Amino acid sequence: MMWGRAMTETSKTVTRVDLCEAVYQKVGLSRTESSAFVELVLKEITDCLEKGETVKLSSFGSFMVRKKGQRIGRNPKTGTEVPISPRRVMVFKPSAILKQRINAQHRTNGDATKAPQEA
């Protein structure tokens, strides 16, 4: 991860506060400016997605909105058919570079935690 934390299966969730702190530490803006900067970036991404635009961040991935049509679902308890109304859903597709980094990190951590095999 960018913030110097060890990647584990149980790693903590990164929050807005963590992002603001990372900007503060690495960019040198004040904490107030760092917070405003992070909020501005998130608002811009949100506004674009709300308008149905794709947000593509090079070497990271793409956020896009997909339209799902109406369909029939079932109540798992009763088996009753229920119409599910059309809606828009947000989808994230990671870039190939991000996938490689995640898998390289996972392999590194996975190899270190394996017990040696007996001969």
N, C-alpha and C. Protein backbone atom coordinates (compact mmCIF):
# COMPACT_ATOMS: atom_id res chain seq x y z
N MET A 1 0.84 -1.17 0.00
CA MET A 1 0.00 0.00 0.00
C MET A 1 0.88 1.24 0.00
N MET A 2 0.39 2.34 -0.45
CA MET A 2 1.16 3.57 -0.57
C MET A 2 1.56 4.13 0.79
N TRP A 3 0.87 3.80 1.85
CA TRP A 3 1.07 4.48 3.11
C TRP A 3 2.02 3.73 4.02
N GLY A 4 2.75 2.78 3.49
CA GLY A 4 3.76 2.11 4.26
C GLY A 4 3.24 1.04 5.21
N ARG A 5 2.01 0.64 5.05
CA ARG A 5 1.46 -0.42 5.91
C ARG A 5 1.73 -1.77 5.25
N ALA A 6 1.93 -2.76 6.07
CA ALA A 6 2.11 -4.11 5.55
C ALA A 6 0.77 -4.62 5.05
N MET A 7 0.78 -5.24 3.89
CA MET A 7 -0.46 -5.80 3.33
C MET A 7 -0.69 -7.18 3.94
N THR A 8 -1.81 -7.33 4.58
CA THR A 8 -2.19 -8.63 5.12
C THR A 8 -3.65 -8.86 4.77
N GLU A 9 -4.10 -10.06 4.94
CA GLU A 9 -5.49 -10.39 4.68
C GLU A 9 -6.42 -9.62 5.61
N THR A 10 -5.91 -9.21 6.77
CA THR A 10 -6.73 -8.52 7.76
C THR A 10 -6.36 -7.04 7.87
N SER A 11 -5.77 -6.46 6.81
CA SER A 11 -5.36 -5.07 6.89
C SER A 11 -6.56 -4.16 7.08
N LYS A 12 -6.31 -3.01 7.67
CA LYS A 12 -7.36 -2.06 8.01
C LYS A 12 -7.90 -1.39 6.76
N THR A 13 -9.11 -0.90 6.84
CA THR A 13 -9.72 -0.17 5.75
C THR A 13 -9.16 1.24 5.71
N VAL A 14 -8.80 1.71 4.53
CA VAL A 14 -8.28 3.06 4.36
C VAL A 14 -9.47 4.01 4.25
N THR A 15 -9.45 5.05 5.07
CA THR A 15 -10.55 6.01 5.13
C THR A 15 -10.13 7.35 4.52
N ARG A 16 -11.09 8.27 4.46
CA ARG A 16 -10.79 9.62 4.00
C ARG A 16 -9.69 10.25 4.85
N VAL A 17 -9.78 10.02 6.15
CA VAL A 17 -8.78 10.58 7.08
C VAL A 17 -7.40 10.05 6.73
N ASP A 18 -7.30 8.76 6.42
CA ASP A 18 -6.01 8.18 6.02
C ASP A 18 -5.48 8.81 4.74
N LEU A 19 -6.37 9.03 3.78
CA LEU A 19 -5.96 9.67 2.52
C LEU A 19 -5.48 11.09 2.77
N CYS A 20 -6.21 11.83 3.59
CA CYS A 20 -5.82 13.21 3.92
C CYS A 20 -4.46 13.23 4.61
N GLU A 21 -4.25 12.29 5.52
CA GLU A 21 -2.97 12.22 6.24
C GLU A 21 -1.83 11.89 5.29
N ALA A 22 -2.08 10.99 4.33
CA ALA A 22 -1.05 10.64 3.34
C ALA A 22 -0.68 11.85 2.49
N VAL A 23 -1.68 12.62 2.07
CA VAL A 23 -1.40 13.84 1.29
C VAL A 23 -0.61 14.82 2.15
N TYR A 24 -1.01 14.97 3.40
CA TYR A 24 -0.32 15.87 4.32
C TYR A 24 1.15 15.47 4.47
N GLN A 25 1.40 14.17 4.67
CA GLN A 25 2.76 13.68 4.90
C GLN A 25 3.62 13.75 3.64
N LYS A 26 3.05 13.38 2.50
CA LYS A 26 3.86 13.22 1.29
C LYS A 26 3.92 14.47 0.41
N VAL A 27 2.88 15.29 0.43
CA VAL A 27 2.85 16.46 -0.46
C VAL A 27 3.30 17.72 0.28
N GLY A 28 3.03 17.77 1.57
CA GLY A 28 3.47 18.92 2.34
C GLY A 28 2.44 20.02 2.46
N LEU A 29 1.21 19.75 2.05
CA LEU A 29 0.14 20.72 2.27
C LEU A 29 -0.23 20.70 3.74
N SER A 30 -0.91 21.74 4.21
CA SER A 30 -1.41 21.72 5.58
C SER A 30 -2.49 20.64 5.69
N ARG A 31 -2.85 20.29 6.92
CA ARG A 31 -3.90 19.27 7.09
C ARG A 31 -5.22 19.76 6.50
N THR A 32 -5.51 21.04 6.67
CA THR A 32 -6.75 21.60 6.13
C THR A 32 -6.74 21.56 4.60
N GLU A 33 -5.61 21.96 4.01
CA GLU A 33 -5.49 21.92 2.54
C GLU A 33 -5.53 20.49 2.02
N SER A 34 -4.89 19.57 2.75
CA SER A 34 -4.89 18.16 2.35
C SER A 34 -6.30 17.61 2.35
N SER A 35 -7.06 17.93 3.39
CA SER A 35 -8.45 17.47 3.49
C SER A 35 -9.29 18.04 2.35
N ALA A 36 -9.11 19.34 2.08
CA ALA A 36 -9.85 19.99 0.99
C ALA A 36 -9.49 19.37 -0.35
N PHE A 37 -8.23 19.04 -0.54
CA PHE A 37 -7.76 18.44 -1.78
C PHE A 37 -8.40 17.07 -2.01
N VAL A 38 -8.35 16.22 -0.98
CA VAL A 38 -8.94 14.88 -1.08
C VAL A 38 -10.44 14.99 -1.35
N GLU A 39 -11.13 15.86 -0.63
CA GLU A 39 -12.57 16.04 -0.83
C GLU A 39 -12.87 16.52 -2.24
N LEU A 40 -12.05 17.41 -2.77
CA LEU A 40 -12.24 17.91 -4.14
C LEU A 40 -12.10 16.79 -5.17
N VAL A 41 -11.08 15.95 -5.00
CA VAL A 41 -10.87 14.83 -5.93
C VAL A 41 -12.05 13.86 -5.86
N LEU A 42 -12.47 13.51 -4.65
CA LEU A 42 -13.60 12.58 -4.50
C LEU A 42 -14.89 13.17 -5.06
N LYS A 43 -15.10 14.47 -4.86
CA LYS A 43 -16.30 15.12 -5.38
C LYS A 43 -16.29 15.12 -6.91
N GLU A 44 -15.14 15.36 -7.51
CA GLU A 44 -15.04 15.36 -8.97
C GLU A 44 -15.34 13.98 -9.53
N ILE A 45 -14.80 12.95 -8.91
CA ILE A 45 -15.07 11.57 -9.34
C ILE A 45 -16.56 11.27 -9.20
N THR A 46 -17.13 11.63 -8.06
CA THR A 46 -18.56 11.39 -7.80
C THR A 46 -19.43 12.12 -8.81
N ASP A 47 -19.13 13.39 -9.07
CA ASP A 47 -19.92 14.18 -10.03
C ASP A 47 -19.88 13.57 -11.42
N CYS A 48 -18.70 13.11 -11.84
CA CYS A 48 -18.58 12.48 -13.17
C CYS A 48 -19.41 11.20 -13.24
N LEU A 49 -19.32 10.36 -12.21
CA LEU A 49 -20.08 9.12 -12.19
C LEU A 49 -21.58 9.39 -12.17
N GLU A 50 -21.98 10.39 -11.42
CA GLU A 50 -23.39 10.75 -11.34
C GLU A 50 -23.95 11.13 -12.71
N LYS A 51 -23.10 11.75 -13.54
CA LYS A 51 -23.51 12.13 -14.90
C LYS A 51 -23.41 10.96 -15.88
N GLY A 52 -22.93 9.81 -15.39
CA GLY A 52 -22.82 8.64 -16.25
C GLY A 52 -21.50 8.55 -17.00
N GLU A 53 -20.55 9.39 -16.65
CA GLU A 53 -19.25 9.38 -17.31
C GLU A 53 -18.36 8.30 -16.71
N THR A 54 -17.41 7.81 -17.50
CA THR A 54 -16.42 6.86 -17.01
C THR A 54 -15.24 7.64 -16.47
N VAL A 55 -14.74 7.23 -15.31
CA VAL A 55 -13.56 7.85 -14.72
C VAL A 55 -12.42 6.86 -14.86
N LYS A 56 -11.43 7.22 -15.67
CA LYS A 56 -10.30 6.33 -15.93
C LYS A 56 -9.05 6.94 -15.32
N LEU A 57 -8.46 6.21 -14.37
CA LEU A 57 -7.24 6.66 -13.72
C LEU A 57 -6.11 5.74 -14.18
N SER A 58 -5.22 6.29 -14.97
CA SER A 58 -4.14 5.51 -15.56
C SER A 58 -3.36 4.75 -14.49
N SER A 59 -3.03 3.51 -14.77
CA SER A 59 -2.29 2.61 -13.88
C SER A 59 -3.06 2.23 -12.62
N PHE A 60 -4.33 2.65 -12.53
CA PHE A 60 -5.15 2.30 -11.36
C PHE A 60 -6.37 1.52 -11.79
N GLY A 61 -7.22 2.15 -12.60
CA GLY A 61 -8.41 1.45 -13.08
C GLY A 61 -9.48 2.42 -13.53
N SER A 62 -10.65 1.88 -13.84
CA SER A 62 -11.76 2.68 -14.33
C SER A 62 -13.00 2.45 -13.48
N PHE A 63 -13.66 3.55 -13.16
CA PHE A 63 -14.96 3.52 -12.50
C PHE A 63 -15.98 3.82 -13.58
N MET A 64 -17.04 3.03 -13.67
CA MET A 64 -18.06 3.30 -14.67
C MET A 64 -19.43 2.97 -14.12
N VAL A 65 -20.44 3.57 -14.72
CA VAL A 65 -21.82 3.33 -14.32
C VAL A 65 -22.46 2.46 -15.39
N ARG A 66 -23.08 1.38 -14.96
CA ARG A 66 -23.80 0.51 -15.90
C ARG A 66 -25.28 0.55 -15.57
N LYS A 67 -26.08 0.44 -16.62
CA LYS A 67 -27.52 0.40 -16.42
C LYS A 67 -27.96 -1.05 -16.39
N LYS A 68 -28.75 -1.39 -15.38
CA LYS A 68 -29.32 -2.73 -15.29
C LYS A 68 -30.81 -2.61 -15.54
N GLY A 69 -31.31 -3.45 -16.40
CA GLY A 69 -32.73 -3.43 -16.72
C GLY A 69 -33.57 -4.11 -15.65
N GLN A 70 -34.87 -3.95 -15.80
CA GLN A 70 -35.78 -4.62 -14.86
C GLN A 70 -35.67 -6.13 -15.05
N ARG A 71 -35.78 -6.84 -13.94
CA ARG A 71 -35.74 -8.29 -14.02
C ARG A 71 -36.58 -8.86 -12.89
N ILE A 72 -36.81 -10.14 -12.97
CA ILE A 72 -37.58 -10.83 -11.94
C ILE A 72 -36.61 -11.54 -11.01
N GLY A 73 -36.78 -11.30 -9.71
CA GLY A 73 -35.97 -11.97 -8.70
C GLY A 73 -36.89 -12.83 -7.85
N ARG A 74 -36.31 -13.56 -6.94
CA ARG A 74 -37.10 -14.40 -6.04
C ARG A 74 -36.73 -14.09 -4.60
N ASN A 75 -37.75 -14.08 -3.75
CA ASN A 75 -37.52 -13.98 -2.32
C ASN A 75 -36.99 -15.35 -1.89
N PRO A 76 -35.76 -15.41 -1.38
CA PRO A 76 -35.18 -16.72 -1.06
C PRO A 76 -35.94 -17.48 0.03
N LYS A 77 -36.63 -16.77 0.90
CA LYS A 77 -37.36 -17.42 1.98
C LYS A 77 -38.65 -18.05 1.49
N THR A 78 -39.41 -17.28 0.69
CA THR A 78 -40.74 -17.74 0.29
C THR A 78 -40.79 -18.28 -1.13
N GLY A 79 -39.79 -17.92 -1.95
CA GLY A 79 -39.80 -18.35 -3.35
C GLY A 79 -40.69 -17.47 -4.23
N THR A 80 -41.31 -16.45 -3.65
CA THR A 80 -42.20 -15.56 -4.39
C THR A 80 -41.40 -14.72 -5.38
N GLU A 81 -41.91 -14.62 -6.61
CA GLU A 81 -41.27 -13.77 -7.60
C GLU A 81 -41.51 -12.31 -7.27
N VAL A 82 -40.45 -11.52 -7.40
CA VAL A 82 -40.52 -10.10 -7.10
C VAL A 82 -39.84 -9.33 -8.23
N PRO A 83 -40.51 -8.31 -8.79
CA PRO A 83 -39.84 -7.52 -9.83
C PRO A 83 -38.76 -6.64 -9.21
N ILE A 84 -37.59 -6.63 -9.84
CA ILE A 84 -36.49 -5.76 -9.43
C ILE A 84 -36.42 -4.63 -10.43
N SER A 85 -36.60 -3.41 -9.96
CA SER A 85 -36.70 -2.27 -10.86
C SER A 85 -35.35 -1.95 -11.52
N PRO A 86 -35.39 -1.28 -12.68
CA PRO A 86 -34.14 -0.90 -13.35
C PRO A 86 -33.34 0.05 -12.46
N ARG A 87 -32.03 -0.03 -12.55
CA ARG A 87 -31.20 0.84 -11.75
C ARG A 87 -29.83 0.99 -12.39
N ARG A 88 -29.08 1.93 -11.85
CA ARG A 88 -27.70 2.11 -12.29
C ARG A 88 -26.78 1.61 -11.19
N VAL A 89 -25.71 0.93 -11.57
CA VAL A 89 -24.74 0.43 -10.61
C VAL A 89 -23.35 0.92 -10.99
N MET A 90 -22.52 1.14 -9.97
CA MET A 90 -21.16 1.57 -10.21
C MET A 90 -20.26 0.35 -10.24
N VAL A 91 -19.36 0.31 -11.20
CA VAL A 91 -18.47 -0.83 -11.37
C VAL A 91 -17.03 -0.30 -11.40
N PHE A 92 -16.12 -1.02 -10.77
CA PHE A 92 -14.70 -0.68 -10.84
C PHE A 92 -13.97 -1.80 -11.56
N LYS A 93 -13.19 -1.42 -12.55
CA LYS A 93 -12.38 -2.40 -13.28
C LYS A 93 -10.91 -2.02 -13.09
N PRO A 94 -10.16 -2.83 -12.35
CA PRO A 94 -8.75 -2.49 -12.11
C PRO A 94 -7.92 -2.60 -13.39
N SER A 95 -6.89 -1.77 -13.49
CA SER A 95 -5.98 -1.83 -14.63
C SER A 95 -5.11 -3.07 -14.51
N ALA A 96 -4.50 -3.44 -15.62
CA ALA A 96 -3.59 -4.59 -15.61
C ALA A 96 -2.41 -4.34 -14.66
N ILE A 97 -1.94 -3.10 -14.59
CA ILE A 97 -0.83 -2.75 -13.71
C ILE A 97 -1.22 -2.95 -12.25
N LEU A 98 -2.42 -2.51 -11.88
CA LEU A 98 -2.90 -2.68 -10.50
C LEU A 98 -3.06 -4.16 -10.18
N LYS A 99 -3.62 -4.93 -11.12
CA LYS A 99 -3.77 -6.37 -10.90
C LYS A 99 -2.41 -7.03 -10.65
N GLN A 100 -1.41 -6.66 -11.46
CA GLN A 100 -0.07 -7.23 -11.30
C GLN A 100 0.51 -6.89 -9.93
N ARG A 101 0.35 -5.63 -9.52
CA ARG A 101 0.88 -5.21 -8.22
C ARG A 101 0.21 -5.96 -7.07
N ILE A 102 -1.10 -6.11 -7.15
CA ILE A 102 -1.84 -6.82 -6.11
C ILE A 102 -1.41 -8.28 -6.05
N ASN A 103 -1.31 -8.91 -7.21
CA ASN A 103 -0.94 -10.33 -7.24
C ASN A 103 0.51 -10.54 -6.86
N ALA A 104 1.41 -9.63 -7.23
CA ALA A 104 2.82 -9.75 -6.84
C ALA A 104 2.93 -9.62 -5.33
N GLN A 105 2.19 -8.68 -4.73
CA GLN A 105 2.20 -8.49 -3.28
C GLN A 105 1.63 -9.73 -2.58
N HIS A 106 0.56 -10.27 -3.13
CA HIS A 106 -0.09 -11.45 -2.54
C HIS A 106 0.86 -12.65 -2.58
N ARG A 107 1.55 -12.83 -3.70
CA ARG A 107 2.49 -13.95 -3.82
C ARG A 107 3.63 -13.79 -2.82
N THR A 108 4.12 -12.57 -2.66
CA THR A 108 5.20 -12.31 -1.72
C THR A 108 4.76 -12.64 -0.30
N ASN A 109 3.59 -12.16 0.10
CA ASN A 109 3.07 -12.44 1.44
C ASN A 109 2.73 -13.91 1.60
N GLY A 110 2.16 -14.50 0.56
CA GLY A 110 1.76 -15.90 0.63
C GLY A 110 2.95 -16.82 0.80
N ASP A 111 4.05 -16.54 0.10
CA ASP A 111 5.24 -17.38 0.19
C ASP A 111 5.88 -17.27 1.57
N ALA A 112 5.84 -16.10 2.17
CA ALA A 112 6.48 -15.89 3.46
C ALA A 112 5.71 -16.59 4.58
N THR A 113 4.43 -16.82 4.41
CA THR A 113 3.63 -17.41 5.48
C THR A 113 3.52 -18.93 5.37
N LYS A 114 3.98 -19.50 4.28
CA LYS A 114 3.89 -20.96 4.11
C LYS A 114 4.95 -21.65 4.96
N ALA A 115 4.55 -22.73 5.58
CA ALA A 115 5.50 -23.53 6.36
C ALA A 115 6.36 -24.34 5.41
N PRO A 116 7.62 -24.56 5.74
CA PRO A 116 8.46 -25.38 4.87
C PRO A 116 7.94 -26.81 4.79
N GLN A 117 8.01 -27.40 3.61
CA GLN A 117 7.52 -28.76 3.42
C GLN A 117 8.60 -29.75 3.85
N GLU A 118 8.12 -30.86 4.43
CA GLU A 118 9.05 -31.90 4.86
C GLU A 118 9.45 -32.75 3.66
N ALA A 119 10.67 -33.28 3.67
CA ALA A 119 11.17 -34.08 2.55
C ALA A 119 10.69 -35.50 2.62
